[in-house]
Amino acid sequence: MTGRARPHPKPSNRLRCTRKAADRKRAQIARGQELFNTTNPSGKSCRGCHNAANNGSNVNGTLFDIGASRAPYFHNGIAPTLKDVVIHYEVALGFQFTKQERDDLVAFLEAL
């Protein structure tokens, strides 16, 4: 051995694609978190009733079972997916989200 460091092999195309996909997912989750924590154009905010730092508990402490492994959602199971939950809030409470914002918010909720 000559004492010279061997160059690290370049990551495979598959590894680069995996990293890019993970970076895109992290960015989507961050956008969803921003949506959760800011006031919507409708004047409403998710954090007005829910605390993302405490798994979606509402202001009086009752848990709403937010997370990918808790479907169906709501006490009566009317929402089979988190996307259905977001749509419910759009219809019932007047939240306004674009398709991209809805997808970002769902990604954030799944990450909790």
N, C-alpha and C. Protein backbone atom coordinates (compact mmCIF):
# COMPACT_ATOMS: atom_id res chain seq x y z
N MET A 1 0.84 -1.17 0.00
CA MET A 1 0.00 0.00 0.00
C MET A 1 0.89 1.23 0.00
N THR A 2 0.54 2.21 -0.79
CA THR A 2 1.39 3.38 -0.97
C THR A 2 1.09 4.49 0.02
N GLY A 3 0.07 4.38 0.84
CA GLY A 3 -0.26 5.43 1.79
C GLY A 3 -1.23 6.46 1.22
N ARG A 4 -1.51 6.33 -0.07
CA ARG A 4 -2.47 7.27 -0.68
C ARG A 4 -3.88 6.74 -0.44
N ALA A 5 -4.75 7.66 -0.13
CA ALA A 5 -6.14 7.27 0.10
C ALA A 5 -6.78 6.84 -1.21
N ARG A 6 -7.55 5.81 -1.13
CA ARG A 6 -8.27 5.35 -2.31
C ARG A 6 -9.50 6.23 -2.50
N PRO A 7 -9.80 6.59 -3.70
CA PRO A 7 -11.00 7.40 -3.92
C PRO A 7 -12.25 6.58 -3.61
N HIS A 8 -13.24 7.24 -3.05
CA HIS A 8 -14.50 6.56 -2.78
C HIS A 8 -15.20 6.28 -4.10
N PRO A 9 -15.80 5.12 -4.20
CA PRO A 9 -16.55 4.84 -5.43
C PRO A 9 -17.75 5.77 -5.55
N LYS A 10 -18.09 6.09 -6.77
CA LYS A 10 -19.26 6.93 -7.00
C LYS A 10 -20.51 6.14 -6.64
N PRO A 11 -21.51 6.84 -6.05
CA PRO A 11 -22.74 6.12 -5.73
C PRO A 11 -23.42 5.64 -7.01
N SER A 12 -24.08 4.52 -6.89
CA SER A 12 -24.78 3.96 -8.04
C SER A 12 -25.95 4.85 -8.42
N ASN A 13 -26.42 4.68 -9.64
CA ASN A 13 -27.59 5.43 -10.09
C ASN A 13 -28.78 5.16 -9.18
N ARG A 14 -28.92 3.93 -8.74
CA ARG A 14 -30.05 3.57 -7.87
C ARG A 14 -29.96 4.33 -6.55
N LEU A 15 -28.78 4.43 -5.97
CA LEU A 15 -28.59 5.15 -4.72
C LEU A 15 -28.86 6.63 -4.91
N ARG A 16 -28.39 7.21 -6.02
CA ARG A 16 -28.66 8.62 -6.30
C ARG A 16 -30.15 8.87 -6.44
N CYS A 17 -30.86 7.97 -7.10
CA CYS A 17 -32.31 8.12 -7.26
C CYS A 17 -33.01 8.01 -5.91
N THR A 18 -32.54 7.10 -5.07
CA THR A 18 -33.13 6.94 -3.75
C THR A 18 -32.93 8.20 -2.92
N ARG A 19 -31.74 8.78 -2.99
CA ARG A 19 -31.46 10.01 -2.25
C ARG A 19 -32.33 11.15 -2.75
N LYS A 20 -32.48 11.27 -4.06
CA LYS A 20 -33.32 12.34 -4.62
C LYS A 20 -34.77 12.17 -4.20
N ALA A 21 -35.26 10.93 -4.22
CA ALA A 21 -36.64 10.68 -3.80
C ALA A 21 -36.82 11.02 -2.32
N ALA A 22 -35.84 10.68 -1.50
CA ALA A 22 -35.91 10.99 -0.07
C ALA A 22 -35.88 12.50 0.15
N ASP A 23 -35.05 13.20 -0.61
CA ASP A 23 -35.00 14.66 -0.52
C ASP A 23 -36.33 15.29 -0.91
N ARG A 24 -36.95 14.77 -1.97
CA ARG A 24 -38.26 15.28 -2.39
C ARG A 24 -39.31 15.03 -1.33
N LYS A 25 -39.27 13.85 -0.71
CA LYS A 25 -40.24 13.52 0.34
C LYS A 25 -40.04 14.42 1.55
N ARG A 26 -38.79 14.65 1.95
CA ARG A 26 -38.52 15.54 3.08
C ARG A 26 -39.02 16.95 2.78
N ALA A 27 -38.83 17.41 1.56
CA ALA A 27 -39.30 18.74 1.17
C ALA A 27 -40.83 18.80 1.21
N GLN A 28 -41.48 17.74 0.76
CA GLN A 28 -42.94 17.68 0.78
C GLN A 28 -43.45 17.71 2.22
N ILE A 29 -42.82 16.95 3.10
CA ILE A 29 -43.22 16.93 4.51
C ILE A 29 -43.04 18.32 5.12
N ALA A 30 -41.93 18.98 4.80
CA ALA A 30 -41.69 20.33 5.33
C ALA A 30 -42.75 21.31 4.84
N ARG A 31 -43.14 21.20 3.57
CA ARG A 31 -44.20 22.07 3.06
C ARG A 31 -45.52 21.79 3.78
N GLY A 32 -45.80 20.51 4.03
CA GLY A 32 -47.01 20.15 4.75
C GLY A 32 -47.01 20.68 6.18
N GLN A 33 -45.85 20.62 6.83
CA GLN A 33 -45.73 21.16 8.19
C GLN A 33 -45.98 22.67 8.18
N GLU A 34 -45.46 23.34 7.18
CA GLU A 34 -45.68 24.78 7.04
C GLU A 34 -47.18 25.07 6.87
N LEU A 35 -47.85 24.29 6.04
CA LEU A 35 -49.29 24.45 5.86
C LEU A 35 -50.05 24.23 7.17
N PHE A 36 -49.65 23.22 7.91
CA PHE A 36 -50.29 22.89 9.17
C PHE A 36 -50.17 24.06 10.16
N ASN A 37 -49.02 24.72 10.15
CA ASN A 37 -48.72 25.74 11.15
C ASN A 37 -49.05 27.16 10.75
N THR A 38 -49.48 27.39 9.53
CA THR A 38 -49.79 28.75 9.10
C THR A 38 -51.29 28.90 8.83
N THR A 39 -51.71 30.13 8.79
CA THR A 39 -53.13 30.41 8.53
C THR A 39 -53.41 30.23 7.05
N ASN A 40 -54.45 29.48 6.76
CA ASN A 40 -54.92 29.18 5.41
C ASN A 40 -55.56 30.43 4.80
N PRO A 41 -55.63 30.55 3.47
CA PRO A 41 -56.33 31.69 2.86
C PRO A 41 -57.78 31.84 3.35
N SER A 42 -58.35 30.76 3.85
CA SER A 42 -59.71 30.82 4.39
C SER A 42 -59.74 31.46 5.77
N GLY A 43 -58.54 31.78 6.32
CA GLY A 43 -58.45 32.37 7.65
C GLY A 43 -58.36 31.34 8.76
N LYS A 44 -58.21 30.07 8.40
CA LYS A 44 -58.17 28.99 9.38
C LYS A 44 -56.77 28.40 9.47
N SER A 45 -56.50 27.73 10.58
CA SER A 45 -55.21 27.10 10.80
C SER A 45 -55.42 25.75 11.48
N CYS A 46 -54.72 24.72 11.02
CA CYS A 46 -54.79 23.40 11.67
C CYS A 46 -54.33 23.51 13.12
N ARG A 47 -53.27 24.29 13.33
CA ARG A 47 -52.73 24.39 14.68
C ARG A 47 -53.65 25.15 15.62
N GLY A 48 -54.69 25.78 15.08
CA GLY A 48 -55.65 26.43 15.94
C GLY A 48 -56.34 25.45 16.87
N CYS A 49 -56.46 24.20 16.45
CA CYS A 49 -57.09 23.15 17.27
C CYS A 49 -56.17 21.98 17.56
N HIS A 50 -55.17 21.76 16.73
CA HIS A 50 -54.30 20.59 16.87
C HIS A 50 -52.87 21.01 17.12
N ASN A 51 -52.15 20.19 17.88
CA ASN A 51 -50.76 20.43 18.20
C ASN A 51 -49.92 19.33 17.55
N ALA A 52 -49.23 19.67 16.46
CA ALA A 52 -48.44 18.66 15.74
C ALA A 52 -47.32 18.10 16.59
N ALA A 53 -46.82 18.88 17.53
CA ALA A 53 -45.74 18.41 18.39
C ALA A 53 -46.22 17.34 19.35
N ASN A 54 -47.53 17.21 19.51
CA ASN A 54 -48.09 16.21 20.43
C ASN A 54 -49.02 15.26 19.69
N ASN A 55 -48.60 14.80 18.52
CA ASN A 55 -49.34 13.83 17.71
C ASN A 55 -50.77 14.24 17.42
N GLY A 56 -50.99 15.52 17.21
CA GLY A 56 -52.31 15.96 16.79
C GLY A 56 -53.31 16.17 17.89
N SER A 57 -52.84 16.21 19.15
CA SER A 57 -53.82 16.43 20.22
C SER A 57 -54.46 17.79 20.04
N ASN A 58 -55.72 17.89 20.39
CA ASN A 58 -56.37 19.18 20.28
C ASN A 58 -56.06 20.01 21.51
N VAL A 59 -56.58 21.21 21.56
CA VAL A 59 -56.20 22.14 22.62
C VAL A 59 -56.58 21.65 24.01
N ASN A 60 -57.55 20.77 24.14
CA ASN A 60 -57.89 20.27 25.48
C ASN A 60 -57.24 18.92 25.77
N GLY A 61 -56.37 18.44 24.90
CA GLY A 61 -55.57 17.26 25.18
C GLY A 61 -56.08 15.95 24.61
N THR A 62 -57.28 15.92 24.04
CA THR A 62 -57.80 14.68 23.47
C THR A 62 -57.04 14.34 22.20
N LEU A 63 -56.57 13.10 22.09
CA LEU A 63 -55.84 12.69 20.89
C LEU A 63 -56.78 12.35 19.76
N PHE A 64 -56.38 12.69 18.57
CA PHE A 64 -57.17 12.39 17.39
C PHE A 64 -56.54 11.31 16.53
N ASP A 65 -55.58 10.58 17.05
CA ASP A 65 -54.96 9.46 16.35
C ASP A 65 -54.45 9.81 14.96
N ILE A 66 -53.64 10.85 14.86
CA ILE A 66 -53.04 11.21 13.58
C ILE A 66 -51.84 10.31 13.35
N GLY A 67 -51.73 9.78 12.15
CA GLY A 67 -50.60 8.94 11.78
C GLY A 67 -51.05 7.87 10.80
N ALA A 68 -50.12 7.41 10.02
CA ALA A 68 -50.44 6.49 8.94
C ALA A 68 -51.01 5.16 9.44
N SER A 69 -50.72 4.78 10.67
CA SER A 69 -51.16 3.46 11.14
C SER A 69 -52.47 3.49 11.91
N ARG A 70 -53.21 4.58 11.83
CA ARG A 70 -54.40 4.72 12.66
C ARG A 70 -55.72 4.74 11.88
N ALA A 71 -55.72 4.43 10.63
CA ALA A 71 -56.96 4.47 9.83
C ALA A 71 -57.92 3.40 10.33
N PRO A 72 -59.21 3.59 10.21
CA PRO A 72 -59.90 4.78 9.71
C PRO A 72 -59.90 5.90 10.75
N TYR A 73 -60.17 7.10 10.32
CA TYR A 73 -60.06 8.28 11.15
C TYR A 73 -61.41 8.81 11.60
N PHE A 74 -61.39 9.60 12.63
CA PHE A 74 -62.54 10.18 13.33
C PHE A 74 -63.18 9.11 14.21
N HIS A 75 -63.92 9.54 15.17
CA HIS A 75 -64.50 8.61 16.15
C HIS A 75 -65.42 7.59 15.51
N ASN A 76 -66.00 7.94 14.36
CA ASN A 76 -66.93 7.03 13.69
C ASN A 76 -66.33 6.37 12.44
N GLY A 77 -65.04 6.60 12.18
CA GLY A 77 -64.36 5.94 11.07
C GLY A 77 -64.80 6.38 9.68
N ILE A 78 -65.32 7.62 9.55
CA ILE A 78 -65.83 8.06 8.25
C ILE A 78 -64.74 8.39 7.23
N ALA A 79 -63.50 8.53 7.68
CA ALA A 79 -62.41 8.89 6.77
C ALA A 79 -61.42 7.73 6.68
N PRO A 80 -61.44 7.00 5.57
CA PRO A 80 -60.54 5.84 5.44
C PRO A 80 -59.07 6.20 5.23
N THR A 81 -58.79 7.43 4.79
CA THR A 81 -57.40 7.85 4.56
C THR A 81 -57.19 9.25 5.11
N LEU A 82 -55.92 9.63 5.27
CA LEU A 82 -55.62 11.00 5.70
C LEU A 82 -56.05 12.02 4.65
N LYS A 83 -56.00 11.65 3.39
CA LYS A 83 -56.49 12.55 2.35
C LYS A 83 -57.98 12.82 2.57
N ASP A 84 -58.73 11.80 2.94
CA ASP A 84 -60.16 11.98 3.23
C ASP A 84 -60.36 12.89 4.44
N VAL A 85 -59.46 12.82 5.41
CA VAL A 85 -59.53 13.71 6.57
C VAL A 85 -59.38 15.16 6.12
N VAL A 86 -58.37 15.42 5.30
CA VAL A 86 -58.12 16.78 4.82
C VAL A 86 -59.33 17.29 4.01
N ILE A 87 -59.85 16.44 3.15
CA ILE A 87 -61.02 16.83 2.34
C ILE A 87 -62.21 17.12 3.26
N HIS A 88 -62.37 16.32 4.30
CA HIS A 88 -63.45 16.56 5.26
C HIS A 88 -63.34 17.96 5.85
N TYR A 89 -62.14 18.35 6.26
CA TYR A 89 -61.95 19.69 6.84
C TYR A 89 -62.17 20.79 5.80
N GLU A 90 -61.86 20.51 4.56
CA GLU A 90 -62.15 21.49 3.52
C GLU A 90 -63.66 21.71 3.40
N VAL A 91 -64.41 20.62 3.37
CA VAL A 91 -65.86 20.70 3.19
C VAL A 91 -66.54 21.20 4.47
N ALA A 92 -66.21 20.59 5.60
CA ALA A 92 -66.93 20.88 6.84
C ALA A 92 -66.54 22.21 7.48
N LEU A 93 -65.26 22.58 7.36
CA LEU A 93 -64.80 23.77 8.06
C LEU A 93 -64.33 24.89 7.14
N GLY A 94 -64.38 24.68 5.83
CA GLY A 94 -64.04 25.73 4.89
C GLY A 94 -62.57 25.96 4.63
N PHE A 95 -61.73 24.98 4.99
CA PHE A 95 -60.31 25.10 4.63
C PHE A 95 -60.20 25.10 3.11
N GLN A 96 -59.16 25.74 2.59
CA GLN A 96 -58.93 25.78 1.15
C GLN A 96 -57.52 25.30 0.86
N PHE A 97 -57.40 24.21 0.12
CA PHE A 97 -56.10 23.67 -0.27
C PHE A 97 -56.10 23.35 -1.75
N THR A 98 -54.96 23.58 -2.40
CA THR A 98 -54.78 23.10 -3.76
C THR A 98 -54.48 21.60 -3.67
N LYS A 99 -54.47 20.92 -4.80
CA LYS A 99 -54.14 19.49 -4.80
C LYS A 99 -52.74 19.28 -4.22
N GLN A 100 -51.78 20.12 -4.64
CA GLN A 100 -50.41 20.00 -4.14
C GLN A 100 -50.36 20.24 -2.63
N GLU A 101 -51.07 21.24 -2.15
CA GLU A 101 -51.08 21.50 -0.71
C GLU A 101 -51.71 20.34 0.05
N ARG A 102 -52.78 19.78 -0.49
CA ARG A 102 -53.43 18.63 0.14
C ARG A 102 -52.44 17.46 0.24
N ASP A 103 -51.73 17.20 -0.85
CA ASP A 103 -50.75 16.11 -0.86
C ASP A 103 -49.61 16.37 0.13
N ASP A 104 -49.17 17.63 0.22
CA ASP A 104 -48.10 18.00 1.15
C ASP A 104 -48.57 17.83 2.59
N LEU A 105 -49.78 18.25 2.88
CA LEU A 105 -50.32 18.14 4.23
C LEU A 105 -50.47 16.67 4.63
N VAL A 106 -50.93 15.85 3.71
CA VAL A 106 -51.05 14.41 3.97
C VAL A 106 -49.67 13.80 4.25
N ALA A 107 -48.66 14.19 3.47
CA ALA A 107 -47.30 13.68 3.69
C ALA A 107 -46.82 14.04 5.09
N PHE A 108 -47.10 15.27 5.52
CA PHE A 108 -46.71 15.68 6.88
C PHE A 108 -47.45 14.86 7.93
N LEU A 109 -48.73 14.69 7.78
CA LEU A 109 -49.51 13.93 8.75
C LEU A 109 -49.04 12.48 8.82
N GLU A 110 -48.70 11.90 7.68
CA GLU A 110 -48.19 10.53 7.66
C GLU A 110 -46.85 10.42 8.39
N ALA A 111 -46.10 11.51 8.42
CA ALA A 111 -44.79 11.50 9.05
C ALA A 111 -44.87 11.63 10.57
N LEU A 112 -46.03 12.00 11.10
CA LEU A 112 -46.16 12.16 12.56
C LEU A 112 -46.08 10.83 13.27
